Amino acid sequence: LRLDGWDVTFLGASVPSAHLVSYLHRHDPRAVLLACALPMRLPQ
């Protein structure tokens, strides 16, 4: 995405939801992309 011109912030592994929400409030990005590798974590 960065190579495609987007101004990307990668927050890395295991970001607690409360901290992620606080970050989104502060920076108001166009979108947030969330990654999930294991289906067992779908409820979370």
Full PDB file with SEQRES, HELIX, SHEET, SSBOND, CRYST1, ORIGX, SCALE, CONECT and MASTER records, all heavy atoms in Angstrom:
SEQRES   1 A   44  LEU ARG LEU ASP GLY TRP ASP VAL THR PHE LEU GLY ALA          
SEQRES   2 A   44  SER VAL PRO SER ALA HIS LEU VAL SER TYR LEU HIS ARG          
SEQRES   3 A   44  HIS ASP PRO ARG ALA VAL LEU LEU ALA CYS ALA LEU PRO          
SEQRES   4 A   44  MET ARG LEU PRO GLN                                          
HELIX    1 AA1 SER A   17  HIS A   27  1                                  11    
HELIX    2 AA2 PRO A   39  ARG A   41  5                                   3    
CRYST1    1.000    1.000    1.000  90.00  90.00  90.00 P 1           1          
ORIGX1      1.000000  0.000000  0.000000        0.00000                         
ORIGX2      0.000000  1.000000  0.000000        0.00000                         
ORIGX3      0.000000  0.000000  1.000000        0.00000                         
SCALE1      1.000000  0.000000  0.000000        0.00000                         
SCALE2      0.000000  1.000000  0.000000        0.00000                         
SCALE3      0.000000  0.000000  1.000000        0.00000                         
ATOM      1  N   LEU A   1       0.832  -1.202   0.000  1.00  0.00           N  
ATOM      2  CA  LEU A   1       0.000   0.000   0.000  1.00  0.00           C  
ATOM      3  C   LEU A   1       0.871   1.259   0.000  1.00  0.00           C  
ATOM      4  O   LEU A   1       0.557   2.249  -0.692  1.00  0.00           O  
ATOM      5  CB  LEU A   1      -0.928   0.004   1.219  1.00  0.00           C  
ATOM      6  CG  LEU A   1      -2.060  -1.023   1.214  1.00  0.00           C  
ATOM      7  CD1 LEU A   1      -2.816  -0.967   2.534  1.00  0.00           C  
ATOM      8  CD2 LEU A   1      -3.009  -0.788   0.054  1.00  0.00           C  
ATOM      9  N   ARG A   2       1.961   1.224   0.735  1.00  0.00           N  
ATOM     10  CA  ARG A   2       2.874   2.373   0.761  1.00  0.00           C  
ATOM     11  C   ARG A   2       3.481   2.598  -0.625  1.00  0.00           C  
ATOM     12  O   ARG A   2       3.607   3.741  -1.088  1.00  0.00           O  
ATOM     13  CB  ARG A   2       3.971   2.135   1.800  1.00  0.00           C  
ATOM     14  CG  ARG A   2       4.924   3.318   1.969  1.00  0.00           C  
ATOM     15  CD  ARG A   2       5.928   3.082   3.078  1.00  0.00           C  
ATOM     16  NE  ARG A   2       5.265   3.162   4.381  1.00  0.00           N  
ATOM     17  CZ  ARG A   2       5.119   2.151   5.218  1.00  0.00           C  
ATOM     18  NH1 ARG A   2       5.575   0.951   4.886  1.00  0.00           N  
ATOM     19  NH2 ARG A   2       4.518   2.316   6.375  1.00  0.00           N  
ATOM     20  N   LEU A   3       3.851   1.511  -1.277  1.00  0.00           N  
ATOM     21  CA  LEU A   3       4.399   1.627  -2.631  1.00  0.00           C  
ATOM     22  C   LEU A   3       3.365   2.181  -3.605  1.00  0.00           C  
ATOM     23  O   LEU A   3       3.722   2.799  -4.616  1.00  0.00           O  
ATOM     24  CB  LEU A   3       4.884   0.251  -3.115  1.00  0.00           C  
ATOM     25  CG  LEU A   3       6.110  -0.313  -2.399  1.00  0.00           C  
ATOM     26  CD1 LEU A   3       6.303  -1.785  -2.757  1.00  0.00           C  
ATOM     27  CD2 LEU A   3       7.359   0.487  -2.763  1.00  0.00           C  
ATOM     28  N   ASP A   4       2.098   1.959  -3.287  1.00  0.00           N  
ATOM     29  CA  ASP A   4       1.006   2.446  -4.145  1.00  0.00           C  
ATOM     30  C   ASP A   4       0.613   3.881  -3.812  1.00  0.00           C  
ATOM     31  O   ASP A   4      -0.382   4.382  -4.335  1.00  0.00           O  
ATOM     32  CB  ASP A   4      -0.204   1.520  -3.994  1.00  0.00           C  
ATOM     33  CG  ASP A   4      -1.094   1.522  -5.228  1.00  0.00           C  
ATOM     34  OD1 ASP A   4      -0.611   1.910  -6.303  1.00  0.00           O  
ATOM     35  OD2 ASP A   4      -2.270   1.141  -5.102  1.00  0.00           O  
ATOM     36  N   GLY A   5       1.375   4.524  -2.932  1.00  0.00           N  
ATOM     37  CA  GLY A   5       1.164   5.936  -2.653  1.00  0.00           C  
ATOM     38  C   GLY A   5       0.406   6.255  -1.385  1.00  0.00           C  
ATOM     39  O   GLY A   5       0.258   7.437  -1.034  1.00  0.00           O  
ATOM     40  N   TRP A   6      -0.084   5.243  -0.678  1.00  0.00           N  
ATOM     41  CA  TRP A   6      -0.838   5.507   0.539  1.00  0.00           C  
ATOM     42  C   TRP A   6       0.110   5.887   1.675  1.00  0.00           C  
ATOM     43  O   TRP A   6       1.240   5.405   1.745  1.00  0.00           O  
ATOM     44  CB  TRP A   6      -1.659   4.285   0.936  1.00  0.00           C  
ATOM     45  CG  TRP A   6      -2.702   3.916  -0.065  1.00  0.00           C  
ATOM     46  CD1 TRP A   6      -2.629   2.951  -1.018  1.00  0.00           C  
ATOM     47  CD2 TRP A   6      -3.981   4.538  -0.236  1.00  0.00           C  
ATOM     48  NE1 TRP A   6      -3.773   2.923  -1.781  1.00  0.00           N  
ATOM     49  CE2 TRP A   6      -4.622   3.888  -1.325  1.00  0.00           C  
ATOM     50  CE3 TRP A   6      -4.645   5.577   0.409  1.00  0.00           C  
ATOM     51  CZ2 TRP A   6      -5.891   4.238  -1.763  1.00  0.00           C  
ATOM     52  CZ3 TRP A   6      -5.908   5.935  -0.040  1.00  0.00           C  
ATOM     53  CH2 TRP A   6      -6.523   5.275  -1.105  1.00  0.00           C  
ATOM     54  N   ASP A   7      -0.363   6.738   2.561  1.00  0.00           N  
ATOM     55  CA  ASP A   7       0.391   7.130   3.756  1.00  0.00           C  
ATOM     56  C   ASP A   7       0.051   6.120   4.851  1.00  0.00           C  
ATOM     57  O   ASP A   7      -0.957   6.269   5.550  1.00  0.00           O  
ATOM     58  CB  ASP A   7      -0.011   8.555   4.175  1.00  0.00           C  
ATOM     59  CG  ASP A   7       0.799   9.063   5.348  1.00  0.00           C  
ATOM     60  OD1 ASP A   7       1.713   8.363   5.795  1.00  0.00           O  
ATOM     61  OD2 ASP A   7       0.497  10.178   5.823  1.00  0.00           O  
ATOM     62  N   VAL A   8       0.874   5.087   4.990  1.00  0.00           N  
ATOM     63  CA  VAL A   8       0.532   3.916   5.793  1.00  0.00           C  
ATOM     64  C   VAL A   8       1.214   3.948   7.153  1.00  0.00           C  
ATOM     65  O   VAL A   8       2.417   4.212   7.256  1.00  0.00           O  
ATOM     66  CB  VAL A   8       0.922   2.616   5.065  1.00  0.00           C  
ATOM     67  CG1 VAL A   8       0.542   1.398   5.896  1.00  0.00           C  
ATOM     68  CG2 VAL A   8       0.257   2.554   3.702  1.00  0.00           C  
ATOM     69  N   THR A   9       0.427   3.667   8.180  1.00  0.00           N  
ATOM     70  CA  THR A   9       0.962   3.421   9.510  1.00  0.00           C  
ATOM     71  C   THR A   9       0.690   1.960   9.855  1.00  0.00           C  
ATOM     72  O   THR A   9      -0.469   1.540   9.918  1.00  0.00           O  
ATOM     73  CB  THR A   9       0.297   4.324  10.560  1.00  0.00           C  
ATOM     74  OG1 THR A   9       0.538   5.687  10.223  1.00  0.00           O  
ATOM     75  CG2 THR A   9       0.873   4.035  11.941  1.00  0.00           C  
ATOM     76  N   PHE A  10       1.763   1.198  10.054  1.00  0.00           N  
ATOM     77  CA  PHE A  10       1.628  -0.207  10.423  1.00  0.00           C  
ATOM     78  C   PHE A  10       1.878  -0.326  11.920  1.00  0.00           C  
ATOM     79  O   PHE A  10       2.958  -0.011  12.417  1.00  0.00           O  
ATOM     80  CB  PHE A  10       2.627  -1.057   9.645  1.00  0.00           C  
ATOM     81  CG  PHE A  10       2.582  -2.515  10.015  1.00  0.00           C  
ATOM     82  CD1 PHE A  10       1.392  -3.231   9.950  1.00  0.00           C  
ATOM     83  CD2 PHE A  10       3.728  -3.177  10.421  1.00  0.00           C  
ATOM     84  CE1 PHE A  10       1.348  -4.572  10.293  1.00  0.00           C  
ATOM     85  CE2 PHE A  10       3.698  -4.518  10.759  1.00  0.00           C  
ATOM     86  CZ  PHE A  10       2.504  -5.223  10.695  1.00  0.00           C  
ATOM     87  N   LEU A  11       0.867  -0.768  12.652  1.00  0.00           N  
ATOM     88  CA  LEU A  11       0.959  -0.826  14.113  1.00  0.00           C  
ATOM     89  C   LEU A  11       1.501  -2.151  14.628  1.00  0.00           C  
ATOM     90  O   LEU A  11       1.720  -2.285  15.833  1.00  0.00           O  
ATOM     91  CB  LEU A  11      -0.416  -0.552  14.730  1.00  0.00           C  
ATOM     92  CG  LEU A  11      -1.031   0.809  14.404  1.00  0.00           C  
ATOM     93  CD1 LEU A  11      -2.354   0.974  15.138  1.00  0.00           C  
ATOM     94  CD2 LEU A  11      -0.079   1.943  14.746  1.00  0.00           C  
ATOM     95  N   GLY A  12       1.696  -3.124  13.739  1.00  0.00           N  
ATOM     96  CA  GLY A  12       2.360  -4.355  14.148  1.00  0.00           C  
ATOM     97  C   GLY A  12       1.429  -5.383  14.755  1.00  0.00           C  
ATOM     98  O   GLY A  12       0.209  -5.336  14.612  1.00  0.00           O  
ATOM     99  N   ALA A  13       2.051  -6.332  15.463  1.00  0.00           N  
ATOM    100  CA  ALA A  13       1.331  -7.478  16.012  1.00  0.00           C  
ATOM    101  C   ALA A  13       0.581  -7.120  17.284  1.00  0.00           C  
ATOM    102  O   ALA A  13       0.985  -6.224  18.037  1.00  0.00           O  
ATOM    103  CB  ALA A  13       2.305  -8.617  16.292  1.00  0.00           C  
ATOM    104  N   SER A  14      -0.516  -7.825  17.519  1.00  0.00           N  
ATOM    105  CA  SER A  14      -1.256  -7.819  18.789  1.00  0.00           C  
ATOM    106  C   SER A  14      -1.491  -6.417  19.344  1.00  0.00           C  
ATOM    107  O   SER A  14      -0.918  -6.036  20.363  1.00  0.00           O  
ATOM    108  CB  SER A  14      -0.520  -8.677  19.827  1.00  0.00           C  
ATOM    109  OG  SER A  14      -1.318  -8.863  20.976  1.00  0.00           O  
ATOM    110  N   VAL A  15      -2.357  -5.664  18.681  1.00  0.00           N  
ATOM    111  CA  VAL A  15      -2.682  -4.306  19.139  1.00  0.00           C  
ATOM    112  C   VAL A  15      -3.962  -4.367  19.970  1.00  0.00           C  
ATOM    113  O   VAL A  15      -5.026  -4.728  19.446  1.00  0.00           O  
ATOM    114  CB  VAL A  15      -2.877  -3.359  17.941  1.00  0.00           C  
ATOM    115  CG1 VAL A  15      -3.159  -1.945  18.437  1.00  0.00           C  
ATOM    116  CG2 VAL A  15      -1.656  -3.380  17.042  1.00  0.00           C  
ATOM    117  N   PRO A  16      -3.902  -4.036  21.256  1.00  0.00           N  
ATOM    118  CA  PRO A  16      -5.124  -4.040  22.071  1.00  0.00           C  
ATOM    119  C   PRO A  16      -6.171  -3.089  21.477  1.00  0.00           C  
ATOM    120  O   PRO A  16      -5.846  -1.991  21.025  1.00  0.00           O  
ATOM    121  CB  PRO A  16      -4.638  -3.549  23.437  1.00  0.00           C  
ATOM    122  CG  PRO A  16      -3.181  -3.885  23.469  1.00  0.00           C  
ATOM    123  CD  PRO A  16      -2.713  -3.703  22.044  1.00  0.00           C  
ATOM    124  N   SER A  17      -7.417  -3.521  21.479  1.00  0.00           N  
ATOM    125  CA  SER A  17      -8.476  -2.752  20.823  1.00  0.00           C  
ATOM    126  C   SER A  17      -8.598  -1.344  21.388  1.00  0.00           C  
ATOM    127  O   SER A  17      -8.809  -0.378  20.640  1.00  0.00           O  
ATOM    128  CB  SER A  17      -9.813  -3.494  20.950  1.00  0.00           C  
ATOM    129  OG  SER A  17      -9.793  -4.697  20.220  1.00  0.00           O  
ATOM    130  N   ALA A  18      -8.473  -1.200  22.701  1.00  0.00           N  
ATOM    131  CA  ALA A  18      -8.610   0.128  23.306  1.00  0.00           C  
ATOM    132  C   ALA A  18      -7.530   1.077  22.798  1.00  0.00           C  
ATOM    133  O   ALA A  18      -7.794   2.257  22.526  1.00  0.00           O  
ATOM    134  CB  ALA A  18      -8.539   0.020  24.831  1.00  0.00           C  
ATOM    135  N   HIS A  19      -6.316   0.575  22.649  1.00  0.00           N  
ATOM    136  CA  HIS A  19      -5.221   1.410  22.155  1.00  0.00           C  
ATOM    137  C   HIS A  19      -5.410   1.723  20.672  1.00  0.00           C  
ATOM    138  O   HIS A  19      -5.100   2.830  20.217  1.00  0.00           O  
ATOM    139  CB  HIS A  19      -3.885   0.705  22.384  1.00  0.00           C  
ATOM    140  CG  HIS A  19      -3.551   0.520  23.820  1.00  0.00           C  
ATOM    141  ND1 HIS A  19      -2.648   1.325  24.497  1.00  0.00           N  
ATOM    142  CD2 HIS A  19      -4.006  -0.368  24.741  1.00  0.00           C  
ATOM    143  CE1 HIS A  19      -2.558   0.944  25.767  1.00  0.00           C  
ATOM    144  NE2 HIS A  19      -3.383  -0.086  25.926  1.00  0.00           N  
ATOM    145  N   LEU A  20      -5.921   0.743  19.913  1.00  0.00           N  
ATOM    146  CA  LEU A  20      -6.180   0.977  18.496  1.00  0.00           C  
ATOM    147  C   LEU A  20      -7.252   2.053  18.319  1.00  0.00           C  
ATOM    148  O   LEU A  20      -7.109   2.967  17.496  1.00  0.00           O  
ATOM    149  CB  LEU A  20      -6.623  -0.324  17.828  1.00  0.00           C  
ATOM    150  CG  LEU A  20      -7.050  -0.237  16.358  1.00  0.00           C  
ATOM    151  CD1 LEU A  20      -5.932   0.317  15.487  1.00  0.00           C  
ATOM    152  CD2 LEU A  20      -7.487  -1.611  15.857  1.00  0.00           C  
ATOM    153  N   VAL A  21      -8.313   1.956  19.089  1.00  0.00           N  
ATOM    154  CA  VAL A  21      -9.393   2.939  19.003  1.00  0.00           C  
ATOM    155  C   VAL A  21      -8.874   4.335  19.346  1.00  0.00           C  
ATOM    156  O   VAL A  21      -9.201   5.325  18.670  1.00  0.00           O  
ATOM    157  CB  VAL A  21     -10.547   2.536  19.927  1.00  0.00           C  
ATOM    158  CG1 VAL A  21     -11.523   3.695  20.125  1.00  0.00           C  
ATOM    159  CG2 VAL A  21     -11.277   1.323  19.360  1.00  0.00           C  
ATOM    160  N   SER A  22      -8.065   4.431  20.381  1.00  0.00           N  
ATOM    161  CA  SER A  22      -7.490   5.721  20.751  1.00  0.00           C  
ATOM    162  C   SER A  22      -6.652   6.294  19.618  1.00  0.00           C  
ATOM    163  O   SER A  22      -6.712   7.506  19.322  1.00  0.00           O  
ATOM    164  CB  SER A  22      -6.629   5.555  22.007  1.00  0.00           C  
ATOM    165  OG  SER A  22      -5.996   6.771  22.357  1.00  0.00           O  
ATOM    166  N   TYR A  23      -5.891   5.430  18.955  1.00  0.00           N  
ATOM    167  CA  TYR A  23      -5.056   5.881  17.837  1.00  0.00           C  
ATOM    168  C   TYR A  23      -5.914   6.379  16.685  1.00  0.00           C  
ATOM    169  O   TYR A  23      -5.611   7.400  16.052  1.00  0.00           O  
ATOM    170  CB  TYR A  23      -4.155   4.736  17.380  1.00  0.00           C  
ATOM    171  CG  TYR A  23      -3.059   5.163  16.440  1.00  0.00           C  
ATOM    172  CD1 TYR A  23      -1.823   5.572  16.931  1.00  0.00           C  
ATOM    173  CD2 TYR A  23      -3.254   5.169  15.064  1.00  0.00           C  
ATOM    174  CE1 TYR A  23      -0.807   5.980  16.073  1.00  0.00           C  
ATOM    175  CE2 TYR A  23      -2.250   5.578  14.196  1.00  0.00           C  
ATOM    176  CZ  TYR A  23      -1.025   5.982  14.709  1.00  0.00           C  
ATOM    177  OH  TYR A  23      -0.035   6.398  13.859  1.00  0.00           O  
ATOM    178  N   LEU A  24      -7.006   5.669  16.395  1.00  0.00           N  
ATOM    179  CA  LEU A  24      -7.885   6.087  15.298  1.00  0.00           C  
ATOM    180  C   LEU A  24      -8.542   7.432  15.603  1.00  0.00           C  
ATOM    181  O   LEU A  24      -8.682   8.281  14.718  1.00  0.00           O  
ATOM    182  CB  LEU A  24      -8.955   5.021  15.054  1.00  0.00           C  
ATOM    183  CG  LEU A  24      -8.451   3.639  14.598  1.00  0.00           C  
ATOM    184  CD1 LEU A  24      -9.617   2.696  14.405  1.00  0.00           C  
ATOM    185  CD2 LEU A  24      -7.625   3.751  13.333  1.00  0.00           C  
ATOM    186  N   HIS A  25      -8.952   7.621  16.846  1.00  0.00           N  
ATOM    187  CA  HIS A  25      -9.535   8.912  17.231  1.00  0.00           C  
ATOM    188  C   HIS A  25      -8.532  10.043  17.009  1.00  0.00           C  
ATOM    189  O   HIS A  25      -8.889  11.138  16.552  1.00  0.00           O  
ATOM    190  CB  HIS A  25      -9.955   8.883  18.699  1.00  0.00           C  
ATOM    191  CG  HIS A  25     -11.311   8.298  18.923  1.00  0.00           C  
ATOM    192  ND1 HIS A  25     -12.450   8.810  18.351  1.00  0.00           N  
ATOM    193  CD2 HIS A  25     -11.705   7.229  19.680  1.00  0.00           C  
ATOM    194  CE1 HIS A  25     -13.503   8.102  18.731  1.00  0.00           C  
ATOM    195  NE2 HIS A  25     -13.083   7.138  19.531  1.00  0.00           N  
ATOM    196  N   ARG A  26      -7.281   9.778  17.320  1.00  0.00           N  
ATOM    197  CA  ARG A  26      -6.263  10.829  17.256  1.00  0.00           C  
ATOM    198  C   ARG A  26      -5.896  11.188  15.810  1.00  0.00           C  
ATOM    199  O   ARG A  26      -5.701  12.363  15.481  1.00  0.00           O  
ATOM    200  CB  ARG A  26      -5.009  10.377  18.003  1.00  0.00           C  
ATOM    201  CG  ARG A  26      -3.886  11.398  17.980  1.00  0.00           C  
ATOM    202  CD  ARG A  26      -2.694  10.941  18.795  1.00  0.00           C  
ATOM    203  NE  ARG A  26      -1.617  11.914  18.756  1.00  0.00           N  
ATOM    204  CZ  ARG A  26      -0.442  11.764  19.344  1.00  0.00           C  
ATOM    205  NH1 ARG A  26      -0.212  10.652  20.051  1.00  0.00           N  
ATOM    206  NH2 ARG A  26       0.487  12.683  19.242  1.00  0.00           N  
ATOM    207  N   HIS A  27      -5.823  10.168  14.932  1.00  0.00           N  
ATOM    208  CA  HIS A  27      -5.282  10.415  13.591  1.00  0.00           C  
ATOM    209  C   HIS A  27      -6.342  10.399  12.487  1.00  0.00           C  
ATOM    210  O   HIS A  27      -6.050  10.845  11.372  1.00  0.00           O  
ATOM    211  CB  HIS A  27      -4.196   9.378  13.279  1.00  0.00           C  
ATOM    212  CG  HIS A  27      -2.985   9.515  14.150  1.00  0.00           C  
ATOM    213  ND1 HIS A  27      -2.030  10.488  13.951  1.00  0.00           N  
ATOM    214  CD2 HIS A  27      -2.589   8.809  15.239  1.00  0.00           C  
ATOM    215  CE1 HIS A  27      -1.082  10.372  14.878  1.00  0.00           C  
ATOM    216  NE2 HIS A  27      -1.397   9.365  15.662  1.00  0.00           N  
ATOM    217  N   ASP A  28      -7.528   9.900  12.750  1.00  0.00           N  
ATOM    218  CA  ASP A  28      -8.654   9.942  11.812  1.00  0.00           C  
ATOM    219  C   ASP A  28      -8.237   9.517  10.401  1.00  0.00           C  
ATOM    220  O   ASP A  28      -8.341  10.296   9.435  1.00  0.00           O  
ATOM    221  CB  ASP A  28      -9.251  11.348  11.781  1.00  0.00           C  
ATOM    222  CG  ASP A  28     -10.587  11.379  11.028  1.00  0.00           C  
ATOM    223  OD1 ASP A  28     -11.265  10.332  10.998  1.00  0.00           O  
ATOM    224  OD2 ASP A  28     -10.924  12.436  10.465  1.00  0.00           O  
ATOM    225  N   PRO A  29      -7.774   8.257  10.217  1.00  0.00           N  
ATOM    226  CA  PRO A  29      -7.353   7.816   8.889  1.00  0.00           C  
ATOM    227  C   PRO A  29      -8.543   7.577   7.965  1.00  0.00           C  
ATOM    228  O   PRO A  29      -9.699   7.553   8.396  1.00  0.00           O  
ATOM    229  CB  PRO A  29      -6.631   6.500   9.196  1.00  0.00           C  
ATOM    230  CG  PRO A  29      -7.333   5.981  10.409  1.00  0.00           C  
ATOM    231  CD  PRO A  29      -7.660   7.200  11.229  1.00  0.00           C  
ATOM    232  N   ARG A  30      -8.234   7.375   6.695  1.00  0.00           N  
ATOM    233  CA  ARG A  30      -9.295   7.060   5.725  1.00  0.00           C  
ATOM    234  C   ARG A  30      -9.913   5.709   6.046  1.00  0.00           C  
ATOM    235  O   ARG A  30     -11.126   5.517   5.876  1.00  0.00           O  
ATOM    236  CB  ARG A  30      -8.729   7.044   4.308  1.00  0.00           C  
ATOM    237  CG  ARG A  30      -9.720   6.511   3.261  1.00  0.00           C  
ATOM    238  CD  ARG A  30      -9.227   6.732   1.848  1.00  0.00           C  
ATOM    239  NE  ARG A  30     -10.053   6.055   0.852  1.00  0.00           N  
ATOM    240  CZ  ARG A  30     -11.255   6.456   0.470  1.00  0.00           C  
ATOM    241  NH1 ARG A  30     -11.784   7.552   1.004  1.00  0.00           N  
ATOM    242  NH2 ARG A  30     -11.933   5.785  -0.444  1.00  0.00           N  
ATOM    243  N   ALA A  31      -9.098   4.770   6.508  1.00  0.00           N  
ATOM    244  CA  ALA A  31      -9.605   3.439   6.832  1.00  0.00           C  
ATOM    245  C   ALA A  31      -8.601   2.726   7.717  1.00  0.00           C  
ATOM    246  O   ALA A  31      -7.427   3.101   7.788  1.00  0.00           O  
ATOM    247  CB  ALA A  31      -9.859   2.616   5.564  1.00  0.00           C  
ATOM    248  N   VAL A  32      -9.073   1.687   8.385  1.00  0.00           N  
ATOM    249  CA  VAL A  32      -8.199   0.801   9.149  1.00  0.00           C  
ATOM    250  C   VAL A  32      -8.360  -0.604   8.601  1.00  0.00           C  
ATOM    251  O   VAL A  32      -9.477  -1.061   8.332  1.00  0.00           O  
ATOM    252  CB  VAL A  32      -8.519   0.849  10.667  1.00  0.00           C  
ATOM    253  CG1 VAL A  32      -9.974   0.503  10.958  1.00  0.00           C  
ATOM    254  CG2 VAL A  32      -7.588  -0.090  11.444  1.00  0.00           C  
ATOM    255  N   LEU A  33      -7.236  -1.281   8.369  1.00  0.00           N  
ATOM    256  CA  LEU A  33      -7.224  -2.649   7.888  1.00  0.00           C  
ATOM    257  C   LEU A  33      -6.823  -3.565   9.038  1.00  0.00           C  
ATOM    258  O   LEU A  33      -5.744  -3.388   9.624  1.00  0.00           O  
ATOM    259  CB  LEU A  33      -6.240  -2.827   6.729  1.00  0.00           C  
ATOM    260  CG  LEU A  33      -6.684  -2.380   5.336  1.00  0.00           C  
ATOM    261  CD1 LEU A  33      -6.824  -0.858   5.280  1.00  0.00           C  
ATOM    262  CD2 LEU A  33      -5.706  -2.848   4.278  1.00  0.00           C  
ATOM    263  N   LEU A  34      -7.672  -4.525   9.361  1.00  0.00           N  
ATOM    264  CA  LEU A  34      -7.413  -5.446  10.461  1.00  0.00           C  
ATOM    265  C   LEU A  34      -7.099  -6.828   9.913  1.00  0.00           C  
ATOM    266  O   LEU A  34      -7.811  -7.336   9.033  1.00  0.00           O  
ATOM    267  CB  LEU A  34      -8.630  -5.525  11.392  1.00  0.00           C  
ATOM    268  CG  LEU A  34      -9.048  -4.231  12.066  1.00  0.00           C  
ATOM    269  CD1 LEU A  34     -10.268  -4.468  12.949  1.00  0.00           C  
ATOM    270  CD2 LEU A  34      -7.899  -3.651  12.899  1.00  0.00           C  
ATOM    271  N   ALA A  35      -6.043  -7.445  10.447  1.00  0.00           N  
ATOM    272  CA  ALA A  35      -5.599  -8.758   9.976  1.00  0.00           C  
ATOM    273  C   ALA A  35      -5.920  -9.829  11.005  1.00  0.00           C  
ATOM    274  O   ALA A  35      -5.766  -9.623  12.213  1.00  0.00           O  
ATOM    275  CB  ALA A  35      -4.091  -8.733   9.715  1.00  0.00           C  
ATOM    276  N   CYS A  36      -6.366 -10.978  10.494  1.00  0.00           N  
ATOM    277  CA  CYS A  36      -6.660 -12.127  11.350  1.00  0.00           C  
ATOM    278  C   CYS A  36      -6.209 -13.385  10.604  1.00  0.00           C  
ATOM    279  O   CYS A  36      -6.691 -13.646   9.495  1.00  0.00           O  
ATOM    280  CB  CYS A  36      -8.145 -12.205  11.681  1.00  0.00           C  
ATOM    281  SG  CYS A  36      -8.626 -13.629  12.684  1.00  0.00           S  
ATOM    282  N   ALA A  37      -5.306 -14.155  11.193  1.00  0.00           N  
ATOM    283  CA  ALA A  37      -4.758 -15.335  10.533  1.00  0.00           C  
ATOM    284  C   ALA A  37      -5.489 -16.615  10.898  1.00  0.00           C  
ATOM    285  O   ALA A  37      -5.415 -17.594  10.158  1.00  0.00           O  
ATOM    286  CB  ALA A  37      -3.271 -15.487  10.862  1.00  0.00           C  
ATOM    287  N   LEU A  38      -6.189 -16.629  12.029  1.00  0.00           N  
ATOM    288  CA  LEU A  38      -6.784 -17.867  12.530  1.00  0.00           C  
ATOM    289  C   LEU A  38      -8.293 -17.710  12.681  1.00  0.00           C  
ATOM    290  O   LEU A  38      -8.757 -16.825  13.406  1.00  0.00           O  
ATOM    291  CB  LEU A  38      -6.174 -18.244  13.884  1.00  0.00           C  
ATOM    292  CG  LEU A  38      -4.661 -18.442  13.891  1.00  0.00           C  
ATOM    293  CD1 LEU A  38      -4.169 -18.657  15.320  1.00  0.00           C  
ATOM    294  CD2 LEU A  38      -4.262 -19.604  13.000  1.00  0.00           C  
ATOM    295  N   PRO A  39      -9.083 -18.562  12.035  1.00  0.00           N  
ATOM    296  CA  PRO A  39     -10.544 -18.459  12.153  1.00  0.00           C  
ATOM    297  C   PRO A  39     -11.042 -18.574  13.592  1.00  0.00           C  
ATOM    298  O   PRO A  39     -12.095 -18.018  13.912  1.00  0.00           O  
ATOM    299  CB  PRO A  39     -11.045 -19.635  11.299  1.00  0.00           C  
ATOM    300  CG  PRO A  39      -9.966 -19.865  10.306  1.00  0.00           C  
ATOM    301  CD  PRO A  39      -8.688 -19.596  11.042  1.00  0.00           C  
ATOM    302  N   MET A  40     -10.317 -19.267  14.452  1.00  0.00           N  
ATOM    303  CA  MET A  40     -10.771 -19.399  15.835  1.00  0.00           C  
ATOM    304  C   MET A  40     -10.828 -18.051  16.552  1.00  0.00           C  
ATOM    305  O   MET A  40     -11.449 -17.931  17.604  1.00  0.00           O  
ATOM    306  CB  MET A  40      -9.858 -20.361  16.612  1.00  0.00           C  
ATOM    307  CG  MET A  40      -8.471 -19.853  16.887  1.00  0.00           C  
ATOM    308  SD  MET A  40      -7.466 -21.016  17.849  1.00  0.00           S  
ATOM    309  CE  MET A  40      -7.185 -22.303  16.659  1.00  0.00           C  
ATOM    310  N   ARG A  41     -10.232 -17.032  15.968  1.00  0.00           N  
ATOM    311  CA  ARG A  41     -10.217 -15.708  16.592  1.00  0.00           C  
ATOM    312  C   ARG A  41     -11.283 -14.771  16.012  1.00  0.00           C  
ATOM    313  O   ARG A  41     -11.276 -13.572  16.272  1.00  0.00           O  
ATOM    314  CB  ARG A  41      -8.831 -15.073  16.444  1.00  0.00           C  
ATOM    315  CG  ARG A  41      -7.744 -15.842  17.180  1.00  0.00           C  
ATOM    316  CD  ARG A  41      -6.469 -15.038  17.307  1.00  0.00           C  
ATOM    317  NE  ARG A  41      -6.689 -13.763  17.957  1.00  0.00           N  
ATOM    318  CZ  ARG A  41      -6.823 -13.586  19.277  1.00  0.00           C  
ATOM    319  NH1 ARG A  41      -6.774 -14.630  20.077  1.00  0.00           N  
ATOM    320  NH2 ARG A  41      -7.026 -12.386  19.785  1.00  0.00           N  
ATOM    321  N   LEU A  42     -12.206 -15.318  15.243  1.00  0.00           N  
ATOM    322  CA  LEU A  42     -13.247 -14.477  14.644  1.00  0.00           C  
ATOM    323  C   LEU A  42     -14.113 -13.746  15.681  1.00  0.00           C  
ATOM    324  O   LEU A  42     -14.478 -12.585  15.461  1.00  0.00           O  
ATOM    325  CB  LEU A  42     -14.126 -15.307  13.713  1.00  0.00           C  
ATOM    326  CG  LEU A  42     -13.488 -15.676  12.373  1.00  0.00           C  
ATOM    327  CD1 LEU A  42     -14.383 -16.634  11.599  1.00  0.00           C  
ATOM    328  CD2 LEU A  42     -13.202 -14.429  11.536  1.00  0.00           C  
ATOM    329  N   PRO A  43     -14.489 -14.376  16.796  1.00  0.00           N  
ATOM    330  CA  PRO A  43     -15.271 -13.608  17.786  1.00  0.00           C  
ATOM    331  C   PRO A  43     -14.522 -12.380  18.293  1.00  0.00           C  
ATOM    332  O   PRO A  43     -15.105 -11.295  18.429  1.00  0.00           O  
ATOM    333  CB  PRO A  43     -15.516 -14.635  18.901  1.00  0.00           C  
ATOM    334  CG  PRO A  43     -15.465 -15.959  18.200  1.00  0.00           C  
ATOM    335  CD  PRO A  43     -14.398 -15.806  17.168  1.00  0.00           C  
ATOM    336  N   GLN A  44     -13.224 -12.542  18.566  1.00  0.00           N  
ATOM    337  CA  GLN A  44     -12.422 -11.389  18.995  1.00  0.00           C  
ATOM    338  C   GLN A  44     -12.302 -10.369  17.868  1.00  0.00           C  
ATOM    339  O   GLN A  44     -12.311  -9.156  18.114  1.00  0.00           O  
ATOM    340  CB  GLN A  44     -11.033 -11.858  19.433  1.00  0.00           C  
ATOM    341  CG  GLN A  44     -11.028 -12.740  20.668  1.00  0.00           C  
ATOM    342  CD  GLN A  44     -11.155 -14.222  20.339  1.00  0.00           C  
ATOM    343  OE1 GLN A  44     -11.741 -14.610  19.322  1.00  0.00           O  
ATOM    344  NE2 GLN A  44     -10.601 -15.058  21.201  1.00  0.00           N  
TER     345      GLN A  44                                                      
MASTER        0    0    0    2    0    0    0    6  344    1    0    4          
END                                                                             
